[in-house]
Amino acid sequence: MQHIAHVTMLVPSYDEGISFFVDTLGFELVSDTDLGGGKRWVLVRPKGGAGSGLLLAEPGNDRQEARVGDQTGGRVGFFLFTGDFAADHAGMLQKGVVFLEEPRRKAYGTVAIFMDPFGNTWDLLQSA
């Protein structure tokens, strides 16, 4: 059986990525391993999550640096599912997360788009 284990996300620095995902969103830091030469294996994922994680990566060249915050060409590229939309939305607002819209109720659930501090857009989503 196959599954996607991790997805790489370019961040300006490992520590900035850890700060946002762990301190602001409440993700767990699964791994932070020194690989030598200034490289680290930094893996975060939502607390209690058994699924995919984000492998945080610092840009290694100008081309990668230009993609920080624009990894999906302006589309919502990341989807954070929650079991308690109201609590997570309020907590994220309190911690300064920028939402680009008010929460919407759709047939599939409640959703609002937010932006991480690097420029990527996310859906916070609770299924109906």
N, C-alpha and C. Protein backbone atom coordinates (compact mmCIF):
# COMPACT_ATOMS: atom_id res chain seq x y z
N MET A 1 0.84 -1.18 0.00
CA MET A 1 0.00 0.00 0.00
C MET A 1 0.89 1.24 0.00
N GLN A 2 0.51 2.22 -0.80
CA GLN A 2 1.27 3.47 -0.87
C GLN A 2 0.52 4.58 -0.14
N HIS A 3 1.27 5.55 0.33
CA HIS A 3 0.69 6.77 0.89
C HIS A 3 1.74 7.87 0.82
N ILE A 4 1.29 9.09 0.81
CA ILE A 4 2.22 10.22 0.82
C ILE A 4 2.62 10.45 2.27
N ALA A 5 3.92 10.39 2.52
CA ALA A 5 4.41 10.52 3.90
C ALA A 5 4.61 11.98 4.28
N HIS A 6 5.31 12.75 3.45
CA HIS A 6 5.62 14.13 3.76
C HIS A 6 5.55 14.97 2.50
N VAL A 7 5.35 16.27 2.70
CA VAL A 7 5.37 17.24 1.62
C VAL A 7 6.35 18.33 2.03
N THR A 8 7.24 18.69 1.12
CA THR A 8 8.22 19.73 1.42
C THR A 8 7.59 21.12 1.31
N MET A 9 7.88 21.97 2.29
CA MET A 9 7.47 23.36 2.24
C MET A 9 8.71 24.22 2.43
N LEU A 10 8.96 25.08 1.46
CA LEU A 10 10.05 26.03 1.58
C LEU A 10 9.67 27.13 2.56
N VAL A 11 10.56 27.42 3.49
CA VAL A 11 10.37 28.48 4.48
C VAL A 11 11.63 29.34 4.50
N PRO A 12 11.54 30.60 4.89
CA PRO A 12 12.73 31.44 4.89
C PRO A 12 13.87 30.87 5.74
N SER A 13 13.51 30.27 6.88
CA SER A 13 14.50 29.62 7.74
C SER A 13 13.81 28.51 8.51
N TYR A 14 14.60 27.52 8.92
CA TYR A 14 14.02 26.43 9.72
C TYR A 14 13.34 26.98 10.96
N ASP A 15 14.01 27.89 11.65
CA ASP A 15 13.48 28.39 12.92
C ASP A 15 12.20 29.20 12.73
N GLU A 16 12.10 29.97 11.65
CA GLU A 16 10.85 30.68 11.37
C GLU A 16 9.72 29.70 11.09
N GLY A 17 10.03 28.65 10.37
CA GLY A 17 9.02 27.63 10.09
C GLY A 17 8.55 26.94 11.36
N ILE A 18 9.51 26.54 12.19
CA ILE A 18 9.15 25.89 13.46
C ILE A 18 8.32 26.85 14.31
N SER A 19 8.71 28.10 14.38
CA SER A 19 7.98 29.08 15.19
C SER A 19 6.52 29.16 14.77
N PHE A 20 6.26 29.27 13.47
CA PHE A 20 4.87 29.39 13.03
C PHE A 20 4.11 28.09 13.25
N PHE A 21 4.63 27.00 12.75
CA PHE A 21 3.86 25.76 12.80
C PHE A 21 3.71 25.20 14.21
N VAL A 22 4.75 25.29 15.01
CA VAL A 22 4.69 24.74 16.37
C VAL A 22 4.09 25.74 17.35
N ASP A 23 4.63 26.95 17.39
CA ASP A 23 4.19 27.92 18.39
C ASP A 23 2.84 28.56 18.06
N THR A 24 2.58 28.82 16.79
CA THR A 24 1.34 29.49 16.42
C THR A 24 0.22 28.50 16.13
N LEU A 25 0.48 27.51 15.26
CA LEU A 25 -0.59 26.57 14.90
C LEU A 25 -0.71 25.39 15.87
N GLY A 26 0.29 25.19 16.72
CA GLY A 26 0.21 24.09 17.68
C GLY A 26 0.59 22.74 17.13
N PHE A 27 1.30 22.71 15.99
CA PHE A 27 1.77 21.45 15.44
C PHE A 27 2.82 20.87 16.38
N GLU A 28 3.11 19.59 16.20
CA GLU A 28 4.20 18.97 16.94
C GLU A 28 5.45 18.95 16.08
N LEU A 29 6.58 19.13 16.73
CA LEU A 29 7.87 19.02 16.06
C LEU A 29 8.26 17.55 16.13
N VAL A 30 8.14 16.85 15.01
CA VAL A 30 8.40 15.42 14.95
C VAL A 30 9.89 15.14 14.92
N SER A 31 10.61 15.97 14.16
CA SER A 31 12.05 15.75 14.00
C SER A 31 12.74 17.06 13.69
N ASP A 32 13.91 17.25 14.26
CA ASP A 32 14.79 18.36 13.92
C ASP A 32 16.21 17.81 14.03
N THR A 33 16.69 17.28 12.91
CA THR A 33 17.97 16.58 12.88
C THR A 33 18.97 17.34 12.02
N ASP A 34 20.14 17.57 12.56
CA ASP A 34 21.22 18.22 11.83
C ASP A 34 21.78 17.24 10.80
N LEU A 35 21.76 17.66 9.55
CA LEU A 35 22.28 16.82 8.47
C LEU A 35 23.67 17.23 8.03
N GLY A 36 24.21 18.28 8.67
CA GLY A 36 25.53 18.79 8.30
C GLY A 36 25.42 19.81 7.18
N GLY A 37 26.42 20.63 7.06
CA GLY A 37 26.46 21.62 5.99
C GLY A 37 25.35 22.65 6.07
N GLY A 38 24.80 22.88 7.27
CA GLY A 38 23.72 23.85 7.43
C GLY A 38 22.34 23.30 7.12
N LYS A 39 22.24 22.05 6.72
CA LYS A 39 20.95 21.43 6.39
C LYS A 39 20.40 20.71 7.62
N ARG A 40 19.07 20.74 7.73
CA ARG A 40 18.38 20.03 8.82
C ARG A 40 17.19 19.28 8.24
N TRP A 41 16.82 18.21 8.90
CA TRP A 41 15.59 17.46 8.58
C TRP A 41 14.58 17.90 9.63
N VAL A 42 13.68 18.83 9.24
CA VAL A 42 12.70 19.38 10.17
C VAL A 42 11.32 18.96 9.70
N LEU A 43 10.67 18.15 10.52
CA LEU A 43 9.36 17.62 10.17
C LEU A 43 8.35 18.04 11.24
N VAL A 44 7.24 18.63 10.80
CA VAL A 44 6.15 19.04 11.69
C VAL A 44 4.86 18.43 11.18
N ARG A 45 3.91 18.27 12.10
CA ARG A 45 2.57 17.82 11.70
C ARG A 45 1.59 18.19 12.81
N PRO A 46 0.30 18.26 12.48
CA PRO A 46 -0.68 18.58 13.51
C PRO A 46 -0.59 17.58 14.67
N LYS A 47 -0.77 18.10 15.89
CA LYS A 47 -0.71 17.23 17.07
C LYS A 47 -1.72 16.11 16.95
N GLY A 48 -1.27 14.92 17.27
CA GLY A 48 -2.14 13.76 17.21
C GLY A 48 -2.36 13.25 15.80
N GLY A 49 -1.80 13.93 14.83
CA GLY A 49 -1.97 13.53 13.43
C GLY A 49 -1.16 12.29 13.12
N ALA A 50 -1.78 11.39 12.42
CA ALA A 50 -1.08 10.16 12.02
C ALA A 50 -0.78 10.19 10.53
N GLY A 51 -1.13 11.28 9.87
CA GLY A 51 -0.97 11.35 8.43
C GLY A 51 0.30 12.06 8.01
N SER A 52 0.23 12.71 6.89
CA SER A 52 1.37 13.39 6.30
C SER A 52 1.89 14.51 7.19
N GLY A 53 3.18 14.78 7.04
CA GLY A 53 3.80 15.89 7.73
C GLY A 53 4.38 16.87 6.73
N LEU A 54 4.76 18.03 7.22
CA LEU A 54 5.44 19.02 6.40
C LEU A 54 6.93 18.94 6.70
N LEU A 55 7.71 18.73 5.65
CA LEU A 55 9.16 18.76 5.76
C LEU A 55 9.59 20.18 5.44
N LEU A 56 10.02 20.91 6.46
CA LEU A 56 10.39 22.31 6.27
C LEU A 56 11.79 22.38 5.69
N ALA A 57 11.95 23.20 4.66
CA ALA A 57 13.23 23.28 3.95
C ALA A 57 13.60 24.74 3.70
N GLU A 58 14.86 25.06 3.99
CA GLU A 58 15.38 26.38 3.63
C GLU A 58 15.77 26.36 2.17
N PRO A 59 15.55 27.47 1.47
CA PRO A 59 15.96 27.52 0.07
C PRO A 59 17.47 27.35 -0.07
N GLY A 60 17.86 26.60 -1.10
CA GLY A 60 19.27 26.36 -1.35
C GLY A 60 19.83 27.18 -2.50
N ASN A 61 18.94 27.92 -3.20
CA ASN A 61 19.40 28.74 -4.32
C ASN A 61 18.35 29.83 -4.60
N ASP A 62 18.65 30.71 -5.53
CA ASP A 62 17.74 31.82 -5.84
C ASP A 62 16.40 31.34 -6.35
N ARG A 63 16.39 30.31 -7.15
CA ARG A 63 15.13 29.78 -7.70
C ARG A 63 14.21 29.30 -6.58
N GLN A 64 14.76 28.56 -5.63
CA GLN A 64 13.97 28.09 -4.51
C GLN A 64 13.52 29.26 -3.63
N GLU A 65 14.41 30.21 -3.42
CA GLU A 65 14.07 31.37 -2.60
C GLU A 65 12.87 32.12 -3.20
N ALA A 66 12.81 32.20 -4.51
CA ALA A 66 11.70 32.88 -5.18
C ALA A 66 10.37 32.16 -5.00
N ARG A 67 10.41 30.88 -4.65
CA ARG A 67 9.19 30.09 -4.49
C ARG A 67 8.65 30.10 -3.07
N VAL A 68 9.40 30.61 -2.11
CA VAL A 68 8.90 30.68 -0.73
C VAL A 68 7.61 31.48 -0.74
N GLY A 69 6.54 30.89 -0.23
CA GLY A 69 5.25 31.57 -0.16
C GLY A 69 4.44 31.52 -1.44
N ASP A 70 4.98 30.93 -2.48
CA ASP A 70 4.26 30.84 -3.76
C ASP A 70 4.46 29.45 -4.36
N GLN A 71 4.34 28.47 -3.51
CA GLN A 71 4.60 27.10 -3.96
C GLN A 71 3.48 26.51 -4.80
N THR A 72 2.31 27.16 -4.79
CA THR A 72 1.18 26.64 -5.56
C THR A 72 0.64 27.68 -6.53
N GLY A 73 1.45 28.68 -6.87
CA GLY A 73 1.04 29.65 -7.87
C GLY A 73 -0.14 30.51 -7.46
N GLY A 74 -0.33 30.72 -6.16
CA GLY A 74 -1.42 31.56 -5.69
C GLY A 74 -2.68 30.82 -5.31
N ARG A 75 -2.76 29.55 -5.60
CA ARG A 75 -3.93 28.74 -5.22
C ARG A 75 -3.81 28.31 -3.76
N VAL A 76 -4.95 28.00 -3.14
CA VAL A 76 -4.90 27.36 -1.83
C VAL A 76 -4.22 26.02 -2.06
N GLY A 77 -3.14 25.81 -1.33
CA GLY A 77 -2.37 24.59 -1.56
C GLY A 77 -2.33 23.65 -0.39
N PHE A 78 -2.84 24.09 0.76
CA PHE A 78 -2.74 23.29 1.97
C PHE A 78 -4.07 23.31 2.69
N PHE A 79 -4.45 22.19 3.26
CA PHE A 79 -5.77 22.03 3.86
C PHE A 79 -5.61 21.47 5.26
N LEU A 80 -5.97 22.28 6.25
CA LEU A 80 -5.86 21.88 7.65
C LEU A 80 -7.26 21.54 8.14
N PHE A 81 -7.52 20.24 8.30
CA PHE A 81 -8.81 19.78 8.78
C PHE A 81 -8.85 19.87 10.30
N THR A 82 -10.03 20.19 10.84
CA THR A 82 -10.21 20.33 12.27
C THR A 82 -11.51 19.68 12.70
N GLY A 83 -11.57 19.27 13.94
CA GLY A 83 -12.80 18.74 14.51
C GLY A 83 -13.58 19.81 15.27
N ASP A 84 -12.98 21.00 15.45
CA ASP A 84 -13.63 22.09 16.15
C ASP A 84 -13.24 23.41 15.48
N PHE A 85 -13.94 23.71 14.41
CA PHE A 85 -13.62 24.91 13.62
C PHE A 85 -13.65 26.17 14.47
N ALA A 86 -14.71 26.37 15.24
CA ALA A 86 -14.87 27.62 15.99
C ALA A 86 -13.70 27.83 16.95
N ALA A 87 -13.31 26.81 17.68
CA ALA A 87 -12.22 26.94 18.65
C ALA A 87 -10.89 27.19 17.94
N ASP A 88 -10.62 26.44 16.88
CA ASP A 88 -9.35 26.61 16.18
C ASP A 88 -9.28 27.97 15.49
N HIS A 89 -10.37 28.39 14.87
CA HIS A 89 -10.42 29.69 14.21
C HIS A 89 -10.16 30.81 15.23
N ALA A 90 -10.85 30.76 16.36
CA ALA A 90 -10.68 31.79 17.40
C ALA A 90 -9.25 31.78 17.94
N GLY A 91 -8.71 30.61 18.19
CA GLY A 91 -7.34 30.50 18.69
C GLY A 91 -6.31 31.02 17.70
N MET A 92 -6.53 30.73 16.44
CA MET A 92 -5.60 31.20 15.41
C MET A 92 -5.67 32.73 15.29
N LEU A 93 -6.87 33.28 15.32
CA LEU A 93 -7.02 34.74 15.28
C LEU A 93 -6.30 35.37 16.47
N GLN A 94 -6.46 34.77 17.64
CA GLN A 94 -5.83 35.30 18.85
C GLN A 94 -4.30 35.29 18.74
N LYS A 95 -3.76 34.33 17.99
CA LYS A 95 -2.31 34.24 17.83
C LYS A 95 -1.81 35.02 16.61
N GLY A 96 -2.70 35.78 15.97
CA GLY A 96 -2.29 36.66 14.89
C GLY A 96 -2.31 36.07 13.50
N VAL A 97 -2.91 34.89 13.35
CA VAL A 97 -3.01 34.31 12.01
C VAL A 97 -3.95 35.18 11.17
N VAL A 98 -3.54 35.44 9.94
CA VAL A 98 -4.31 36.31 9.04
C VAL A 98 -5.27 35.47 8.21
N PHE A 99 -6.56 35.73 8.39
CA PHE A 99 -7.59 35.09 7.57
C PHE A 99 -7.97 36.05 6.45
N LEU A 100 -8.14 35.51 5.27
CA LEU A 100 -8.46 36.32 4.09
C LEU A 100 -9.95 36.46 3.86
N GLU A 101 -10.74 35.80 4.69
CA GLU A 101 -12.19 35.84 4.56
C GLU A 101 -12.83 35.43 5.87
N GLU A 102 -14.10 35.70 5.98
CA GLU A 102 -14.89 35.22 7.11
C GLU A 102 -15.22 33.74 6.87
N PRO A 103 -15.45 32.98 7.93
CA PRO A 103 -15.83 31.57 7.74
C PRO A 103 -17.09 31.44 6.89
N ARG A 104 -17.09 30.43 6.04
CA ARG A 104 -18.23 30.13 5.16
C ARG A 104 -18.74 28.74 5.47
N ARG A 105 -20.05 28.58 5.42
CA ARG A 105 -20.66 27.25 5.54
C ARG A 105 -21.02 26.78 4.14
N LYS A 106 -20.52 25.62 3.80
CA LYS A 106 -20.78 25.01 2.51
C LYS A 106 -21.39 23.63 2.75
N ALA A 107 -21.86 22.99 1.69
CA ALA A 107 -22.43 21.65 1.84
C ALA A 107 -21.40 20.67 2.41
N TYR A 108 -20.14 20.88 2.10
CA TYR A 108 -19.09 19.97 2.55
C TYR A 108 -18.56 20.30 3.94
N GLY A 109 -18.88 21.51 4.48
CA GLY A 109 -18.42 21.86 5.81
C GLY A 109 -18.22 23.35 5.98
N THR A 110 -17.50 23.71 7.03
CA THR A 110 -17.18 25.11 7.33
C THR A 110 -15.73 25.35 6.95
N VAL A 111 -15.47 26.48 6.28
CA VAL A 111 -14.13 26.73 5.75
C VAL A 111 -13.81 28.22 5.81
N ALA A 112 -12.54 28.52 5.98
CA ALA A 112 -12.02 29.89 5.85
C ALA A 112 -10.58 29.79 5.38
N ILE A 113 -10.20 30.70 4.51
CA ILE A 113 -8.84 30.72 3.97
C ILE A 113 -7.97 31.59 4.86
N PHE A 114 -6.79 31.06 5.23
CA PHE A 114 -5.82 31.86 5.96
C PHE A 114 -4.48 31.82 5.25
N MET A 115 -3.62 32.74 5.63
CA MET A 115 -2.29 32.83 5.02
C MET A 115 -1.24 32.61 6.09
N ASP A 116 -0.25 31.79 5.76
CA ASP A 116 0.87 31.66 6.69
C ASP A 116 1.77 32.88 6.52
N PRO A 117 2.71 33.11 7.44
CA PRO A 117 3.52 34.32 7.34
C PRO A 117 4.49 34.33 6.17
N PHE A 118 4.55 33.23 5.43
CA PHE A 118 5.47 33.13 4.29
C PHE A 118 4.76 33.44 2.98
N GLY A 119 3.40 33.49 3.01
CA GLY A 119 2.62 33.84 1.83
C GLY A 119 1.79 32.71 1.25
N ASN A 120 1.88 31.50 1.80
CA ASN A 120 1.07 30.38 1.31
C ASN A 120 -0.35 30.49 1.84
N THR A 121 -1.32 30.09 1.04
CA THR A 121 -2.71 30.09 1.49
C THR A 121 -3.15 28.69 1.85
N TRP A 122 -3.99 28.65 2.88
CA TRP A 122 -4.48 27.41 3.48
C TRP A 122 -5.99 27.50 3.65
N ASP A 123 -6.65 26.36 3.65
CA ASP A 123 -8.03 26.25 4.12
C ASP A 123 -8.01 25.68 5.52
N LEU A 124 -8.70 26.33 6.45
CA LEU A 124 -9.06 25.71 7.71
C LEU A 124 -10.44 25.14 7.47
N LEU A 125 -10.63 23.86 7.69
CA LEU A 125 -11.82 23.18 7.21
C LEU A 125 -12.32 22.17 8.23
N GLN A 126 -13.62 22.25 8.51
CA GLN A 126 -14.28 21.20 9.30
C GLN A 126 -15.35 20.59 8.43
N SER A 127 -15.26 19.29 8.23
CA SER A 127 -16.24 18.58 7.40
C SER A 127 -17.62 18.65 8.01
N ALA A 128 -18.64 18.65 7.12
CA ALA A 128 -20.01 18.69 7.57
C ALA A 128 -20.39 17.39 8.27
